[in-house]
Amino acid sequence: MRTILEGGVVVNLDGGPSEQQDLVIEDEQITSVGASDARPGDNVVDVSGMHLLPGMVNCHVHLGWDGTHDLEMQAYESPAVNAVKAVMNIHRTLSAGVTTIRDLGMNNANIDAKTAIDNGWAPWIRLFPNGRAICTTGGHTWWCCREADGIYGVRKAIREQFKAGASWIKIMGSHEEVQFTMDELRAMVEEAHQNGMKVTAHATFDEAISRVVDAGVDCVEHGGSMTPATIEKMVEKGTPIVTTFSPLVQQVKFGRDFGMTESDVERRKDQMNDPSRFTGNAAAARAGIPIVFGTDAGSPVVPHYAIAEELKFMVEVGVCPDNLDALNSITRRGIELLGLSDQLGSLEAGKTADVVAVGGDPLASLDHMKDVKRVFVRGQMAFSSEGGYTQTGRDVEGMGTRWGPGPEIGYRRA
């Protein structure tokens, strides 16, 4: 059966004019974009007045964190609690129009969530898990990572994540100082690549960023101050940055509602108003380093449905020059980082039918990204603002579809 999304405006991510066009979907693929004639038996979905985007990508999330409570406290919760949170946060992720995520761990909830997705127990989004992040003994966020030291120790830690089912590895390349020796960093990258996994590194200042890039990582998380020499090195290697401003931005705007103290909110406000915090990443973007969207979802005051404020701030501080580039960071560049450009990232014939319908033109205002009306995953409606979660899930080995509250059930989105 064909599904036709009729009457929507397809947002032009190439910079040209956006036009009203129908999307025709057969099975999991888009088969045509343009005018269409419905046939008997077609499922015609009226998306008039809505703007259509490719399914979005959040490349820095933590499904096992709830976006509210202290992170170290959550590190001591049971695996069952972590798994329940992960599945809940998959639903919330879908409600924001995000259909593909890279989870950077801190516990094994992402591996459990991938198992749930693959078996049809949770919404059928794409999840790239990293298992547990790797840190030095007593290193950055040691209380929720896999501590490892020495060449053999770090190699073993990488192999454990591979055995668990990770497709990415996250290493903690910095705290207040650099972490790991260069030999350890190189060994982790080599071990991961040898096992078919990519590597990203938490690195927040110049020396740390330079070291992990020298070690051969595939991506840098957060970024920060950078010298021209480090930027030039990253340009040469094509190493992208996932900038993750949301913990700062969300805490300033909504921290009081989540119970943060006035002094903590004011401290974060002072940090956000310090332009020197953002000049390194902005300079990197101007030099041509790919900037990829990520929110650090699950961190305090960063719910998994919070998308718009990150996009807006990326434009405000100059890591994206305009709304168009910000939308490309959450679609095409994220998809490219994950190696799925042949399948996703644009609305065109032959691509997988991950489609998001929002209530207004996001090129005019990124606030429209808060108004998600419909989300389609692989050609099936997965979320409707009127009805909650409507997808009934995968048919796993002929057993029938098995997940999803009916259209009468939703949840409050703050």
Protein backbone atom coordinates (compact mmCIF):
# COMPACT_ATOMS: atom_id res chain seq x y z
CA MET A 1 0.00 0.00 0.00
CA ARG A 2 1.18 3.49 -0.83
CA THR A 3 1.10 6.38 1.63
CA ILE A 4 0.82 9.89 0.23
CA LEU A 5 1.68 12.90 2.38
CA GLU A 6 -0.45 15.47 0.62
CA GLY A 7 -0.27 19.26 0.67
CA GLY A 8 2.85 19.86 2.75
CA VAL A 9 5.73 22.23 2.00
CA VAL A 10 9.04 20.40 1.55
CA VAL A 11 11.76 22.48 3.23
CA ASN A 12 14.61 23.07 0.78
CA LEU A 13 17.84 22.28 2.63
CA ASP A 14 19.93 23.35 -0.38
CA GLY A 15 18.98 26.99 0.04
CA GLY A 16 16.47 27.28 -2.78
CA PRO A 17 12.77 28.04 -2.39
CA SER A 18 10.66 25.57 -0.44
CA GLU A 19 7.66 24.30 -2.40
CA GLN A 20 4.39 22.54 -1.74
CA GLN A 21 4.94 18.96 -2.87
CA ASP A 22 3.41 15.56 -2.21
CA LEU A 23 5.56 12.74 -0.88
CA VAL A 24 4.69 9.25 -2.11
CA ILE A 25 5.89 6.42 0.11
CA GLU A 26 5.88 2.73 -0.77
CA ASP A 27 6.94 0.28 1.93
CA GLU A 28 9.85 2.07 3.63
CA GLN A 29 10.98 4.31 0.76
CA ILE A 30 10.08 7.64 -0.75
CA THR A 31 9.22 6.90 -4.38
CA SER A 32 8.39 10.39 -5.63
CA VAL A 33 8.34 14.02 -4.57
CA GLY A 34 5.99 16.34 -6.43
CA ALA A 35 2.40 16.27 -7.63
CA SER A 36 0.65 12.92 -7.19
CA ASP A 37 -2.63 11.27 -8.06
CA ALA A 38 -4.12 9.05 -5.41
CA ARG A 39 -5.14 5.55 -6.43
CA PRO A 40 -7.80 3.36 -4.84
CA GLY A 41 -6.41 1.92 -1.65
CA ASP A 42 -3.79 4.61 -1.07
CA ASN A 43 -3.39 5.94 2.45
CA VAL A 44 -3.62 9.70 1.96
CA VAL A 45 -2.41 11.81 4.91
CA ASP A 46 -3.31 15.48 4.80
CA VAL A 47 -0.32 17.56 5.90
CA SER A 48 -1.58 20.83 4.46
CA GLY A 49 -0.07 23.85 6.19
CA MET A 50 2.82 21.80 7.55
CA HIS A 51 6.49 21.97 6.60
CA LEU A 52 8.28 18.69 5.90
CA LEU A 53 11.84 17.81 6.89
CA PRO A 54 13.90 14.63 6.86
CA GLY A 55 13.95 12.68 10.11
CA MET A 56 16.38 14.43 12.43
CA VAL A 57 19.54 13.16 14.13
CA ASN A 58 20.76 13.82 17.67
CA CYS A 59 24.38 12.69 17.85
CA HIS A 60 24.90 13.18 21.59
CA VAL A 61 22.27 11.69 23.90
CA HIS A 62 22.16 9.65 27.10
CA LEU A 63 19.02 7.54 27.07
CA GLY A 64 19.62 6.22 30.59
CA TRP A 65 19.55 9.73 32.08
CA ASP A 66 16.22 11.43 32.70
CA GLY A 67 17.06 15.11 32.21
CA THR A 68 16.12 16.00 35.76
CA HIS A 69 18.10 14.26 38.48
CA ASP A 70 21.73 14.43 39.56
CA LEU A 71 23.93 12.43 37.19
CA GLU A 72 26.11 10.72 39.79
CA MET A 73 23.01 9.67 41.73
CA GLN A 74 21.63 8.05 38.57
CA ALA A 75 24.86 6.11 38.14
CA TYR A 76 23.86 3.97 41.10
CA GLU A 77 20.37 3.16 39.90
CA SER A 78 19.57 -0.41 38.93
CA PRO A 79 19.93 -1.60 35.32
CA ALA A 80 16.16 -2.12 35.27
CA VAL A 81 15.52 1.54 36.13
CA ASN A 82 18.05 2.64 33.50
CA ALA A 83 16.37 0.46 30.87
CA VAL A 84 12.88 1.81 31.69
CA LYS A 85 14.20 5.36 31.39
CA ALA A 86 15.83 4.53 28.07
CA VAL A 87 12.61 3.26 26.52
CA MET A 88 10.67 6.25 27.89
CA ASN A 89 13.25 8.59 26.39
CA ILE A 90 13.03 6.90 23.00
CA HIS A 91 9.35 7.90 22.95
CA ARG A 92 10.23 11.45 23.93
CA THR A 93 12.95 11.58 21.28
CA LEU A 94 10.44 10.58 18.60
CA SER A 95 8.01 13.29 19.71
CA ALA A 96 10.67 15.88 18.79
CA GLY A 97 11.07 14.53 15.26
CA VAL A 98 14.37 12.78 15.94
CA THR A 99 14.45 9.37 14.29
CA THR A 100 18.16 8.54 14.60
CA ILE A 101 20.36 8.89 17.68
CA ARG A 102 23.90 8.20 18.81
CA ASP A 103 23.88 7.35 22.50
CA LEU A 104 27.15 8.09 24.29
CA GLY A 105 26.45 5.90 27.23
CA MET A 106 27.54 6.31 30.84
CA ASN A 107 25.90 2.95 31.54
CA ASN A 108 24.68 0.00 29.50
CA ALA A 109 21.14 1.37 29.07
CA ASN A 110 21.88 2.11 25.41
CA ILE A 111 22.78 -1.53 24.74
CA ASP A 112 19.55 -2.63 26.43
CA ALA A 113 17.58 -0.05 24.44
CA LYS A 114 19.08 -1.33 21.17
CA THR A 115 18.00 -4.85 22.14
CA ALA A 116 14.46 -3.57 22.82
CA ILE A 117 14.33 -1.79 19.45
CA ASP A 118 15.69 -4.76 17.52
CA ASN A 119 13.15 -7.10 19.13
CA GLY A 120 10.16 -4.83 18.61
CA TRP A 121 9.67 -3.91 22.26
CA ALA A 122 10.40 -0.20 21.71
CA PRO A 123 9.85 2.27 18.84
CA TRP A 124 11.81 1.37 15.73
CA ILE A 125 14.26 4.25 15.58
CA ARG A 126 17.93 3.95 14.68
CA LEU A 127 20.23 3.78 17.67
CA PHE A 128 24.02 3.82 17.56
CA PRO A 129 25.14 2.78 21.06
CA ASN A 130 28.58 3.09 22.62
CA GLY A 131 28.10 0.92 25.70
CA ARG A 132 30.08 2.55 28.50
CA ALA A 133 32.39 5.50 27.99
CA ILE A 134 36.07 4.85 28.77
CA CYS A 135 37.91 7.01 31.32
CA THR A 136 41.09 6.85 33.34
CA THR A 137 40.88 5.62 36.94
CA GLY A 138 39.32 8.52 38.82
CA GLY A 139 38.96 10.42 35.55
CA HIS A 140 36.10 12.50 34.17
CA THR A 141 32.76 11.11 35.44
CA TRP A 142 34.51 7.93 36.60
CA TRP A 143 31.42 6.95 38.58
CA CYS A 144 29.51 6.02 35.43
CA CYS A 145 32.28 5.01 33.04
CA ARG A 146 34.51 2.00 32.46
CA GLU A 147 37.79 2.96 34.16
CA ALA A 148 40.86 1.68 32.32
CA ASP A 149 44.59 2.30 32.42
CA GLY A 150 47.60 1.17 30.41
CA ILE A 151 47.77 -0.16 26.87
CA TYR A 152 46.36 -3.59 27.68
CA GLY A 153 43.76 -2.20 30.07
CA VAL A 154 42.28 0.26 27.57
CA ARG A 155 42.29 -2.33 24.79
CA LYS A 156 40.35 -4.72 27.02
CA ALA A 157 37.83 -1.97 27.83
CA ILE A 158 37.27 -1.36 24.11
CA ARG A 159 36.80 -5.07 23.47
CA GLU A 160 34.21 -5.26 26.25
CA GLN A 161 32.11 -2.59 24.55
CA PHE A 162 32.40 -4.39 21.23
CA LYS A 163 31.28 -7.64 22.86
CA ALA A 164 28.29 -5.85 24.42
CA GLY A 165 27.15 -4.52 21.04
CA ALA A 166 28.60 -1.01 20.74
CA SER A 167 29.01 0.60 17.32
CA TRP A 168 30.81 3.69 18.64
CA ILE A 169 33.35 4.20 21.41
CA LYS A 170 33.47 7.29 23.60
CA ILE A 171 36.68 8.15 25.40
CA MET A 172 37.09 10.85 28.01
CA GLY A 173 39.97 12.88 26.68
CA SER A 174 39.80 15.65 29.25
CA HIS A 175 38.58 16.78 32.65
CA GLU A 176 40.23 19.86 34.10
CA GLU A 177 43.38 18.46 32.53
CA VAL A 178 44.15 16.04 29.73
CA GLN A 179 43.35 12.35 30.29
CA PHE A 180 45.18 9.21 29.07
CA THR A 181 48.67 9.04 27.62
CA MET A 182 49.12 9.38 23.89
CA ASP A 183 49.97 5.69 23.69
CA GLU A 184 46.70 4.84 25.44
CA LEU A 185 44.71 7.13 23.15
CA ARG A 186 46.25 5.64 20.02
CA ALA A 187 45.71 2.10 21.32
CA MET A 188 42.00 2.75 21.93
CA VAL A 189 41.48 4.23 18.48
CA GLU A 190 43.37 1.38 16.83
CA GLU A 191 41.46 -1.26 18.78
CA ALA A 192 38.09 0.30 18.01
CA HIS A 193 38.80 0.72 14.31
CA GLN A 194 40.13 -2.82 14.11
CA ASN A 195 36.75 -4.01 15.41
CA GLY A 196 34.74 -1.86 13.00
CA MET A 197 33.75 0.80 15.53
CA LYS A 198 34.24 4.56 15.35
CA VAL A 199 35.60 6.69 18.17
CA THR A 200 34.56 10.02 19.61
CA ALA A 201 36.23 11.91 22.42
CA HIS A 202 35.06 14.26 25.15
CA ALA A 203 37.56 17.11 24.75
CA THR A 204 36.88 20.68 25.87
CA PHE A 205 40.08 22.71 25.47
CA ASP A 206 42.88 23.07 22.96
CA GLU A 207 45.48 20.62 24.27
CA ALA A 208 42.92 17.88 24.81
CA ILE A 209 41.34 18.42 21.39
CA SER A 210 44.73 18.42 19.67
CA ARG A 211 45.79 15.18 21.37
CA VAL A 212 42.67 13.19 20.51
CA VAL A 213 42.78 14.41 16.91
CA ASP A 214 46.43 13.29 16.71
CA ALA A 215 45.31 9.91 18.06
CA GLY A 216 42.91 9.55 15.12
CA VAL A 217 39.43 9.93 16.65
CA ASP A 218 36.51 10.21 14.24
CA CYS A 219 34.73 12.99 16.13
CA VAL A 220 35.12 15.47 19.00
CA GLU A 221 32.41 16.10 21.60
CA HIS A 222 31.77 19.61 22.93
CA GLY A 223 34.92 21.32 21.65
CA GLY A 224 36.12 24.58 23.15
CA SER A 225 39.13 26.87 22.90
CA MET A 226 41.31 25.99 19.92
CA THR A 227 44.47 27.43 18.43
CA PRO A 228 44.72 28.01 14.68
CA ALA A 229 47.12 25.04 14.52
CA THR A 230 44.55 22.69 16.07
CA ILE A 231 41.80 23.99 13.80
CA GLU A 232 44.03 23.50 10.75
CA LYS A 233 44.73 19.94 11.85
CA MET A 234 41.03 19.18 12.22
CA VAL A 235 40.25 20.69 8.83
CA GLU A 236 42.94 18.54 7.23
CA LYS A 237 41.56 15.39 8.86
CA GLY A 238 37.91 16.37 8.41
CA THR A 239 37.18 15.78 12.11
CA PRO A 240 33.68 17.04 13.03
CA ILE A 241 32.58 18.59 16.33
CA VAL A 242 29.30 17.89 18.13
CA THR A 243 28.96 21.14 20.07
CA THR A 244 26.26 20.38 22.74
CA PHE A 245 25.28 23.78 24.13
CA SER A 246 22.00 22.61 25.66
CA PRO A 247 23.13 21.96 29.25
CA LEU A 248 24.13 25.61 29.47
CA VAL A 249 21.25 27.10 27.49
CA GLN A 250 18.49 24.96 28.97
CA GLN A 251 19.68 25.49 32.55
CA VAL A 252 19.73 29.26 32.08
CA LYS A 253 16.25 29.36 30.53
CA PHE A 254 14.46 26.62 32.44
CA GLY A 255 16.66 25.74 35.43
CA ARG A 256 14.39 27.35 38.00
CA ASP A 257 11.45 25.27 36.77
CA PHE A 258 13.53 22.14 37.33
CA GLY A 259 14.54 23.12 40.87
CA MET A 260 17.97 24.68 40.28
CA THR A 261 19.02 27.26 42.85
CA GLU A 262 19.07 30.92 41.92
CA SER A 263 22.85 31.07 42.41
CA ASP A 264 23.43 28.10 40.10
CA VAL A 265 21.23 29.62 37.41
CA GLU A 266 23.04 32.95 37.71
CA ARG A 267 26.43 31.20 37.47
CA ARG A 268 25.33 29.46 34.28
CA LYS A 269 23.98 32.77 32.96
CA ASP A 270 27.39 34.39 33.47
CA GLN A 271 28.97 31.52 31.53
CA MET A 272 26.49 31.85 28.68
CA ASN A 273 27.14 35.59 28.47
CA ASP A 274 30.91 35.03 28.16
CA PRO A 275 31.60 35.12 24.40
CA SER A 276 35.10 33.66 24.85
CA ARG A 277 33.51 30.28 25.64
CA PHE A 278 32.28 29.97 22.07
CA THR A 279 34.95 31.61 19.91
CA GLY A 280 36.92 28.40 19.41
CA ASN A 281 33.99 26.43 18.02
CA ALA A 282 32.84 29.39 15.93
CA ALA A 283 36.33 29.76 14.44
CA ALA A 284 36.39 26.03 13.72
CA ALA A 285 33.06 26.28 11.89
CA ARG A 286 34.26 29.24 9.80
CA ALA A 287 37.35 27.23 8.86
CA GLY A 288 35.17 24.47 7.45
CA ILE A 289 35.07 21.94 10.28
CA PRO A 290 31.67 20.15 10.15
CA ILE A 291 29.45 21.09 13.08
CA VAL A 292 26.99 18.33 13.97
CA PHE A 293 23.90 18.63 16.16
CA GLY A 294 23.83 17.13 19.65
CA THR A 295 22.20 18.21 22.90
CA ASP A 296 23.70 16.03 25.66
CA ALA A 297 20.09 14.94 26.21
CA GLY A 298 19.47 13.46 29.64
CA SER A 299 21.78 15.91 31.40
CA PRO A 300 20.05 18.06 34.03
CA VAL A 301 17.42 20.32 32.44
CA VAL A 302 18.01 18.76 29.00
CA PRO A 303 14.93 16.61 28.26
CA HIS A 304 15.11 14.31 25.26
CA TYR A 305 12.49 16.35 23.39
CA ALA A 306 14.42 19.65 23.72
CA ILE A 307 15.68 20.52 20.23
CA ALA A 308 14.85 24.12 19.31
CA GLU A 309 16.95 25.96 21.89
CA GLU A 310 20.12 24.14 20.79
CA LEU A 311 19.46 24.98 17.14
CA LYS A 312 18.79 28.64 17.94
CA PHE A 313 21.92 28.99 20.06
CA MET A 314 24.09 27.41 17.37
CA VAL A 315 23.06 30.30 15.13
CA GLU A 316 23.40 32.88 17.91
CA VAL A 317 27.04 32.02 18.69
CA GLY A 318 28.05 31.52 15.06
CA VAL A 319 28.78 27.81 14.78
CA CYS A 320 25.97 27.85 12.21
CA PRO A 321 25.65 31.01 10.10
CA ASP A 322 21.87 30.79 9.71
CA ASN A 323 18.77 28.66 10.25
CA LEU A 324 19.42 26.71 7.05
CA ASP A 325 22.84 25.59 8.22
CA ALA A 326 21.46 24.68 11.66
CA LEU A 327 18.86 22.45 9.99
CA ASN A 328 21.60 20.80 7.96
CA SER A 329 23.51 20.11 11.17
CA ILE A 330 20.56 18.12 12.54
CA THR A 331 19.87 16.31 9.27
CA ARG A 332 22.54 15.84 6.61
CA ARG A 333 25.68 16.30 8.69
CA GLY A 334 24.46 14.04 11.46
CA ILE A 335 23.52 11.39 8.92
CA GLU A 336 26.92 11.73 7.24
CA LEU A 337 28.72 11.27 10.57
CA LEU A 338 26.81 8.03 11.10
CA GLY A 339 27.50 6.77 7.58
CA LEU A 340 23.88 6.73 6.38
CA SER A 341 23.94 9.35 3.63
CA ASP A 342 22.84 6.84 1.01
CA GLN A 343 19.64 6.16 2.98
CA LEU A 344 18.66 9.27 4.93
CA GLY A 345 19.19 13.00 5.37
CA SER A 346 17.00 14.34 2.58
CA LEU A 347 13.49 14.00 1.17
CA GLU A 348 14.01 12.54 -2.28
CA ALA A 349 13.06 9.47 -4.25
CA GLY A 350 15.02 6.42 -3.19
CA LYS A 351 15.65 7.57 0.39
CA THR A 352 14.15 5.90 3.45
CA ALA A 353 10.88 7.58 4.44
CA ASP A 354 11.80 9.23 7.73
CA VAL A 355 9.73 12.40 7.55
CA VAL A 356 8.90 15.10 10.11
CA ALA A 357 6.04 17.58 9.71
CA VAL A 358 6.22 20.78 11.74
CA GLY A 359 3.65 23.54 12.10
CA GLY A 360 5.53 26.37 10.40
CA ASP A 361 8.57 27.28 8.33
CA PRO A 362 11.73 26.53 10.36
CA LEU A 363 13.82 28.57 7.93
CA ALA A 364 11.86 31.61 9.09
CA SER A 365 11.90 30.68 12.79
CA LEU A 366 13.51 27.71 14.51
CA ASP A 367 10.82 27.97 17.18
CA HIS A 368 8.63 26.02 14.74
CA MET A 369 10.79 23.01 15.58
CA LYS A 370 8.88 22.87 18.88
CA ASP A 371 5.64 22.28 16.98
CA VAL A 372 6.06 18.73 15.69
CA LYS A 373 2.80 17.53 14.10
CA ARG A 374 3.71 14.15 12.57
CA VAL A 375 6.72 11.84 12.62
CA PHE A 376 7.11 9.01 10.12
CA VAL A 377 9.77 6.33 10.58
CA ARG A 378 10.47 4.02 7.65
CA GLY A 379 7.17 5.04 6.11
CA GLN A 380 5.02 4.41 9.19
CA MET A 381 3.51 7.15 11.32
CA ALA A 382 5.30 6.95 14.66
CA PHE A 383 3.98 10.07 16.40
CA SER A 384 1.07 12.47 15.98
CA SER A 385 0.61 15.60 18.07
CA GLU A 386 -3.11 14.90 18.21
CA GLY A 387 -2.84 11.24 19.15
CA GLY A 388 0.48 10.52 20.85
CA TYR A 389 2.40 7.48 19.67
CA THR A 390 0.59 5.85 16.80
CA GLN A 391 3.09 3.47 15.25
CA THR A 392 2.39 -0.14 16.17
CA GLY A 393 5.94 -1.27 15.65
CA ARG A 394 7.85 -3.90 13.72
CA ASP A 395 6.63 -7.30 12.66
CA VAL A 396 9.39 -9.36 14.27
CA GLU A 397 9.76 -12.74 12.58
CA GLY A 398 6.07 -12.88 11.77
CA MET A 399 4.98 -12.44 15.38
CA GLY A 400 3.04 -9.28 14.71
CA THR A 401 3.43 -5.76 15.99
CA ARG A 402 3.89 -5.43 19.69
CA TRP A 403 4.60 -2.01 21.09
CA GLY A 404 3.03 1.38 21.44
CA PRO A 405 0.24 3.03 23.36
CA GLY A 406 -2.82 3.77 21.28
CA PRO A 407 -3.69 7.17 19.92
CA GLU A 408 -5.49 8.17 23.10
CA ILE A 409 -2.24 8.06 25.09
CA GLY A 410 0.44 10.73 25.04
CA TYR A 411 2.46 12.60 27.63
CA ARG A 412 3.01 16.17 28.62
CA ARG A 413 5.78 17.90 26.72
CA ALA A 414 7.10 20.87 28.65
